Amino acid sequence: MPLHNLYTDEHLIRRISCDDEAAFRILYERYWDRLLVHACSKLGSDGEAEEIVQDVFVGLWKRRHSLELRNSLPTYLSAIVKYEVLRRLASRKTKSNFEKETARLYTEIDNSTQQWLNYEDLRDQIEATVQALPEKCRLVFRLSREEGLTERQIAGVLHISPKTVEAHKARAFKALRHSLAHLLHFFFLH
């Protein structure tokens, strides 16, 4: 019979409380593998499982002077491992959620920046097209779109007929449609 099987857990805990490192080593060897397998099966990571079990035993040693077990030592150690595994899994989930949220925010920022640049390109293209219109046509367009005047009001301001205002607006819109066709095609396909 191996030496470490000669002592009960209770006896070894009493010896550990008196700073007996040999008693601690016996408990360590008795429960290490069992706790490691349990932690690894829940985490799926040998490295994390080893860290947790190591931390459990370090904690046991640190609390050796004040340790009072209400249940058996295996139940106590298993409960600590279970708690640490749950904490790790929650931390993973929180980290994963944080990473997903951060990625989503960066995507939104990137999209909004691209949308702003697209808007600026579109606005510049409209302005260039309007500037290239004949003077009277440009004036009718600006009074209609920028000042919000009706065809009748524009006709009164410029002393031309409403039909002439309508013709100038139609010409301006045709020029804009032609000029912006490639941009609009790009925006709606991308």
C-alpha atoms as a PDB file:
ATOM      1  CA  MET A   1       0.000   0.000   0.000  1.00  0.00           C
ATOM      2  CA  PRO A   2       1.488   3.394  -0.978  1.00  0.00           C
ATOM      3  CA  LEU A   3       2.444   5.697   1.862  1.00  0.00           C
ATOM      4  CA  HIS A   4      -0.055   8.423   0.908  1.00  0.00           C
ATOM      5  CA  ASN A   5      -2.966   5.975   1.376  1.00  0.00           C
ATOM      6  CA  LEU A   6      -2.057   5.447   5.045  1.00  0.00           C
ATOM      7  CA  TYR A   7      -3.428   8.821   6.089  1.00  0.00           C
ATOM      8  CA  THR A   8      -7.001  10.104   5.987  1.00  0.00           C
ATOM      9  CA  ASP A   9      -7.780  13.494   4.494  1.00  0.00           C
ATOM     10  CA  GLU A  10      -8.708  14.786   7.958  1.00  0.00           C
ATOM     11  CA  HIS A  11      -5.344  13.706   9.378  1.00  0.00           C
ATOM     12  CA  LEU A  12      -3.488  15.352   6.498  1.00  0.00           C
ATOM     13  CA  ILE A  13      -5.489  18.604   6.859  1.00  0.00           C
ATOM     14  CA  ARG A  14      -4.529  18.736  10.572  1.00  0.00           C
ATOM     15  CA  ARG A  15      -0.866  18.212   9.649  1.00  0.00           C
ATOM     16  CA  ILE A  16      -1.055  20.891   6.934  1.00  0.00           C
ATOM     17  CA  SER A  17      -2.416  23.369   9.476  1.00  0.00           C
ATOM     18  CA  CYS A  18       0.896  22.798  11.314  1.00  0.00           C
ATOM     19  CA  ASP A  19       2.834  23.679   8.120  1.00  0.00           C
ATOM     20  CA  ASP A  20       3.608  20.056   7.182  1.00  0.00           C
ATOM     21  CA  GLU A  21       4.627  20.262   3.518  1.00  0.00           C
ATOM     22  CA  ALA A  22       4.873  16.467   3.172  1.00  0.00           C
ATOM     23  CA  ALA A  23       1.198  16.150   4.175  1.00  0.00           C
ATOM     24  CA  PHE A  24       0.325  18.823   1.603  1.00  0.00           C
ATOM     25  CA  ARG A  25       2.263  16.928  -1.089  1.00  0.00           C
ATOM     26  CA  ILE A  26       0.282  13.769  -0.316  1.00  0.00           C
ATOM     27  CA  LEU A  27      -3.036  15.603  -0.741  1.00  0.00           C
ATOM     28  CA  TYR A  28      -1.727  17.245  -3.902  1.00  0.00           C
ATOM     29  CA  GLU A  29      -0.815  13.872  -5.427  1.00  0.00           C
ATOM     30  CA  ARG A  30      -4.076  12.312  -4.222  1.00  0.00           C
ATOM     31  CA  TYR A  31      -6.398  14.855  -5.887  1.00  0.00           C
ATOM     32  CA  TRP A  32      -4.401  16.589  -8.639  1.00  0.00           C
ATOM     33  CA  ASP A  33      -5.300  14.210 -11.482  1.00  0.00           C
ATOM     34  CA  ARG A  34      -8.971  13.922 -10.538  1.00  0.00           C
ATOM     35  CA  LEU A  35      -9.405  17.713 -10.330  1.00  0.00           C
ATOM     36  CA  LEU A  36      -7.428  18.278 -13.535  1.00  0.00           C
ATOM     37  CA  VAL A  37      -9.595  15.839 -15.515  1.00  0.00           C
ATOM     38  CA  HIS A  38     -12.752  17.494 -14.173  1.00  0.00           C
ATOM     39  CA  ALA A  39     -11.557  21.033 -15.012  1.00  0.00           C
ATOM     40  CA  CYS A  40     -10.255  20.042 -18.437  1.00  0.00           C
ATOM     41  CA  SER A  41     -13.514  18.295 -19.371  1.00  0.00           C
ATOM     42  CA  LYS A  42     -15.434  21.504 -18.653  1.00  0.00           C
ATOM     43  CA  LEU A  43     -12.955  23.977 -20.149  1.00  0.00           C
ATOM     44  CA  GLY A  44     -11.554  22.002 -23.059  1.00  0.00           C
ATOM     45  CA  SER A  45      -8.139  23.482 -22.338  1.00  0.00           C
ATOM     46  CA  ASP A  46      -5.334  21.638 -20.569  1.00  0.00           C
ATOM     47  CA  GLY A  47      -3.467  24.858 -19.840  1.00  0.00           C
ATOM     48  CA  GLU A  48      -6.405  26.625 -18.215  1.00  0.00           C
ATOM     49  CA  ALA A  49      -7.356  23.486 -16.288  1.00  0.00           C
ATOM     50  CA  GLU A  50      -3.815  23.172 -14.907  1.00  0.00           C
ATOM     51  CA  GLU A  51      -3.848  26.833 -13.862  1.00  0.00           C
ATOM     52  CA  ILE A  52      -7.124  26.398 -12.028  1.00  0.00           C
ATOM     53  CA  VAL A  53      -6.072  23.235 -10.188  1.00  0.00           C
ATOM     54  CA  GLN A  54      -2.727  24.799  -9.301  1.00  0.00           C
ATOM     55  CA  ASP A  55      -4.520  27.883  -7.961  1.00  0.00           C
ATOM     56  CA  VAL A  56      -6.846  25.671  -5.903  1.00  0.00           C
ATOM     57  CA  PHE A  57      -3.900  23.982  -4.210  1.00  0.00           C
ATOM     58  CA  VAL A  58      -2.077  27.277  -3.679  1.00  0.00           C
ATOM     59  CA  GLY A  59      -5.249  28.609  -2.045  1.00  0.00           C
ATOM     60  CA  LEU A  60      -5.494  25.505   0.117  1.00  0.00           C
ATOM     61  CA  TRP A  61      -1.937  26.039   1.341  1.00  0.00           C
ATOM     62  CA  LYS A  62      -2.518  29.736   2.013  1.00  0.00           C
ATOM     63  CA  ARG A  63      -5.662  28.978   4.048  1.00  0.00           C
ATOM     64  CA  ARG A  64      -4.093  26.068   5.886  1.00  0.00           C
ATOM     65  CA  HIS A  65      -4.214  27.812   9.289  1.00  0.00           C
ATOM     66  CA  SER A  66      -7.864  28.833   9.051  1.00  0.00           C
ATOM     67  CA  LEU A  67      -9.318  25.993   6.977  1.00  0.00           C
ATOM     68  CA  GLU A  68     -12.470  24.447   8.466  1.00  0.00           C
ATOM     69  CA  LEU A  69     -14.125  21.818   6.286  1.00  0.00           C
ATOM     70  CA  ARG A  70     -17.863  21.306   6.646  1.00  0.00           C
ATOM     71  CA  ASN A  71     -17.838  18.561   4.015  1.00  0.00           C
ATOM     72  CA  SER A  72     -15.234  16.098   2.804  1.00  0.00           C
ATOM     73  CA  LEU A  73     -12.031  17.410   1.252  1.00  0.00           C
ATOM     74  CA  PRO A  74     -12.897  16.032  -2.228  1.00  0.00           C
ATOM     75  CA  THR A  75     -16.257  17.852  -2.084  1.00  0.00           C
ATOM     76  CA  TYR A  76     -14.527  21.063  -0.960  1.00  0.00           C
ATOM     77  CA  LEU A  77     -11.845  20.879  -3.678  1.00  0.00           C
ATOM     78  CA  SER A  78     -14.382  19.951  -6.383  1.00  0.00           C
ATOM     79  CA  ALA A  79     -16.583  22.897  -5.397  1.00  0.00           C
ATOM     80  CA  ILE A  80     -13.651  25.311  -5.679  1.00  0.00           C
ATOM     81  CA  VAL A  81     -12.659  23.882  -9.073  1.00  0.00           C
ATOM     82  CA  LYS A  82     -16.270  24.096 -10.261  1.00  0.00           C
ATOM     83  CA  TYR A  83     -16.489  27.741  -9.154  1.00  0.00           C
ATOM     84  CA  GLU A  84     -13.204  28.623 -10.875  1.00  0.00           C
ATOM     85  CA  VAL A  85     -14.267  26.825 -14.072  1.00  0.00           C
ATOM     86  CA  LEU A  86     -17.548  28.753 -14.085  1.00  0.00           C
ATOM     87  CA  ARG A  87     -15.666  32.000 -13.499  1.00  0.00           C
ATOM     88  CA  ARG A  88     -13.337  31.234 -16.427  1.00  0.00           C
ATOM     89  CA  LEU A  89     -16.228  30.349 -18.711  1.00  0.00           C
ATOM     90  CA  ALA A  90     -18.041  33.564 -17.749  1.00  0.00           C
ATOM     91  CA  SER A  91     -14.844  35.510 -18.376  1.00  0.00           C
ATOM     92  CA  ARG A  92     -14.524  33.903 -21.807  1.00  0.00           C
ATOM     93  CA  LYS A  93     -18.106  34.799 -22.641  1.00  0.00           C
ATOM     94  CA  THR A  94     -17.647  38.373 -21.417  1.00  0.00           C
ATOM     95  CA  LYS A  95     -14.426  38.681 -23.394  1.00  0.00           C
ATOM     96  CA  SER A  96     -16.094  37.201 -26.469  1.00  0.00           C
ATOM     97  CA  ASN A  97     -19.070  39.555 -26.128  1.00  0.00           C
ATOM     98  CA  PHE A  98     -16.699  42.492 -25.636  1.00  0.00           C
ATOM     99  CA  GLU A  99     -14.737  41.526 -28.748  1.00  0.00           C
ATOM    100  CA  LYS A 100     -17.935  41.114 -30.780  1.00  0.00           C
ATOM    101  CA  GLU A 101     -19.302  44.459 -29.598  1.00  0.00           C
ATOM    102  CA  THR A 102     -15.983  46.186 -30.296  1.00  0.00           C
ATOM    103  CA  ALA A 103     -15.863  44.667 -33.784  1.00  0.00           C
ATOM    104  CA  ARG A 104     -19.472  45.764 -34.401  1.00  0.00           C
ATOM    105  CA  LEU A 105     -18.707  49.319 -33.262  1.00  0.00           C
ATOM    106  CA  TYR A 106     -15.611  49.531 -35.450  1.00  0.00           C
ATOM    107  CA  THR A 107     -17.653  48.234 -38.385  1.00  0.00           C
ATOM    108  CA  GLU A 108     -20.309  50.874 -37.736  1.00  0.00           C
ATOM    109  CA  ILE A 109     -17.643  53.571 -37.489  1.00  0.00           C
ATOM    110  CA  ASP A 110     -16.031  52.332 -40.695  1.00  0.00           C
ATOM    111  CA  ASN A 111     -19.423  52.236 -42.409  1.00  0.00           C
ATOM    112  CA  SER A 112     -20.389  55.700 -41.200  1.00  0.00           C
ATOM    113  CA  THR A 113     -17.041  57.085 -42.368  1.00  0.00           C
ATOM    114  CA  GLN A 114     -17.550  55.473 -45.765  1.00  0.00           C
ATOM    115  CA  GLN A 115     -21.115  56.782 -45.894  1.00  0.00           C
ATOM    116  CA  TRP A 116     -19.852  60.275 -45.066  1.00  0.00           C
ATOM    117  CA  LEU A 117     -17.246  60.056 -47.817  1.00  0.00           C
ATOM    118  CA  ASN A 118     -19.890  58.789 -50.250  1.00  0.00           C
ATOM    119  CA  TYR A 119     -22.168  61.668 -49.248  1.00  0.00           C
ATOM    120  CA  GLU A 120     -19.333  64.166 -49.746  1.00  0.00           C
ATOM    121  CA  ASP A 121     -18.565  62.693 -53.190  1.00  0.00           C
ATOM    122  CA  LEU A 122     -22.224  62.856 -54.131  1.00  0.00           C
ATOM    123  CA  ARG A 123     -22.583  66.431 -52.913  1.00  0.00           C
ATOM    124  CA  ASP A 124     -19.437  67.503 -54.784  1.00  0.00           C
ATOM    125  CA  GLN A 125     -20.667  65.827 -57.957  1.00  0.00           C
ATOM    126  CA  ILE A 126     -24.064  67.559 -57.675  1.00  0.00           C
ATOM    127  CA  GLU A 127     -22.392  70.937 -57.126  1.00  0.00           C
ATOM    128  CA  ALA A 128     -20.082  70.442 -60.117  1.00  0.00           C
ATOM    129  CA  THR A 129     -23.033  69.466 -62.310  1.00  0.00           C
ATOM    130  CA  VAL A 130     -25.105  72.449 -61.161  1.00  0.00           C
ATOM    131  CA  GLN A 131     -22.159  74.802 -61.779  1.00  0.00           C
ATOM    132  CA  ALA A 132     -21.865  73.474 -65.357  1.00  0.00           C
ATOM    133  CA  LEU A 133     -25.530  74.337 -66.129  1.00  0.00           C
ATOM    134  CA  PRO A 134     -26.325  77.467 -68.148  1.00  0.00           C
ATOM    135  CA  GLU A 135     -26.827  80.502 -65.896  1.00  0.00           C
ATOM    136  CA  LYS A 136     -30.645  80.744 -66.122  1.00  0.00           C
ATOM    137  CA  CYS A 137     -31.047  76.959 -65.661  1.00  0.00           C
ATOM    138  CA  ARG A 138     -28.672  77.007 -62.659  1.00  0.00           C
ATOM    139  CA  LEU A 139     -30.593  79.926 -61.107  1.00  0.00           C
ATOM    140  CA  VAL A 140     -33.949  78.146 -61.523  1.00  0.00           C
ATOM    141  CA  PHE A 141     -32.526  74.984 -59.960  1.00  0.00           C
ATOM    142  CA  ARG A 142     -31.077  76.839 -56.964  1.00  0.00           C
ATOM    143  CA  LEU A 143     -34.273  78.828 -56.367  1.00  0.00           C
ATOM    144  CA  SER A 144     -36.277  75.605 -56.520  1.00  0.00           C
ATOM    145  CA  ARG A 145     -34.047  73.288 -54.459  1.00  0.00           C
ATOM    146  CA  GLU A 146     -32.127  75.604 -52.163  1.00  0.00           C
ATOM    147  CA  GLU A 147     -34.719  78.320 -51.578  1.00  0.00           C
ATOM    148  CA  GLY A 148     -37.771  76.083 -51.856  1.00  0.00           C
ATOM    149  CA  LEU A 149     -39.671  78.370 -54.225  1.00  0.00           C
ATOM    150  CA  THR A 150     -42.506  77.065 -56.370  1.00  0.00           C
ATOM    151  CA  GLU A 151     -42.449  77.309 -60.164  1.00  0.00           C
ATOM    152  CA  ARG A 152     -44.910  80.205 -60.012  1.00  0.00           C
ATOM    153  CA  GLN A 153     -42.736  82.090 -57.454  1.00  0.00           C
ATOM    154  CA  ILE A 154     -39.586  81.513 -59.531  1.00  0.00           C
ATOM    155  CA  ALA A 155     -41.405  82.748 -62.635  1.00  0.00           C
ATOM    156  CA  GLY A 156     -42.340  85.927 -60.744  1.00  0.00           C
ATOM    157  CA  VAL A 157     -38.804  86.519 -59.440  1.00  0.00           C
ATOM    158  CA  LEU A 158     -37.099  85.950 -62.816  1.00  0.00           C
ATOM    159  CA  HIS A 159     -39.867  87.494 -64.936  1.00  0.00           C
ATOM    160  CA  ILE A 160     -40.278  84.369 -67.077  1.00  0.00           C
ATOM    161  CA  SER A 161     -43.235  82.074 -67.695  1.00  0.00           C
ATOM    162  CA  PRO A 162     -43.916  79.067 -65.428  1.00  0.00           C
ATOM    163  CA  LYS A 163     -43.470  76.828 -68.518  1.00  0.00           C
ATOM    164  CA  THR A 164     -39.945  78.194 -68.994  1.00  0.00           C
ATOM    165  CA  VAL A 165     -39.224  77.502 -65.280  1.00  0.00           C
ATOM    166  CA  GLU A 166     -40.506  73.946 -65.785  1.00  0.00           C
ATOM    167  CA  ALA A 167     -38.258  73.492 -68.846  1.00  0.00           C
ATOM    168  CA  HIS A 168     -35.178  74.759 -66.967  1.00  0.00           C
ATOM    169  CA  LYS A 169     -35.905  72.415 -64.033  1.00  0.00           C
ATOM    170  CA  ALA A 170     -36.332  69.464 -66.402  1.00  0.00           C
ATOM    171  CA  ARG A 171     -33.007  70.294 -68.076  1.00  0.00           C
ATOM    172  CA  ALA A 172     -31.239  70.569 -64.688  1.00  0.00           C
ATOM    173  CA  PHE A 173     -32.644  67.225 -63.493  1.00  0.00           C
ATOM    174  CA  LYS A 174     -31.709  65.530 -66.752  1.00  0.00           C
ATOM    175  CA  ALA A 175     -28.138  66.809 -66.412  1.00  0.00           C
ATOM    176  CA  LEU A 176     -28.005  65.612 -62.784  1.00  0.00           C
ATOM    177  CA  ARG A 177     -29.390  62.157 -63.649  1.00  0.00           C
ATOM    178  CA  HIS A 178     -26.828  61.772 -66.411  1.00  0.00           C
ATOM    179  CA  SER A 179     -23.954  63.059 -64.274  1.00  0.00           C
ATOM    180  CA  LEU A 180     -24.822  60.996 -61.206  1.00  0.00           C
ATOM    181  CA  ALA A 181     -25.827  57.764 -62.916  1.00  0.00           C
ATOM    182  CA  HIS A 182     -22.449  56.095 -62.300  1.00  0.00           C
ATOM    183  CA  LEU A 183     -22.345  57.215 -58.633  1.00  0.00           C
ATOM    184  CA  LEU A 184     -25.874  56.068 -57.915  1.00  0.00           C
ATOM    185  CA  HIS A 185     -25.184  52.754 -59.590  1.00  0.00           C
ATOM    186  CA  PHE A 186     -22.093  52.320 -57.371  1.00  0.00           C
ATOM    187  CA  PHE A 187     -23.931  53.277 -54.145  1.00  0.00           C
ATOM    188  CA  PHE A 188     -26.859  50.950 -54.715  1.00  0.00           C
ATOM    189  CA  LEU A 189     -24.732  47.977 -55.730  1.00  0.00           C
ATOM    190  CA  HIS A 190     -22.255  48.293 -52.836  1.00  0.00           C
END
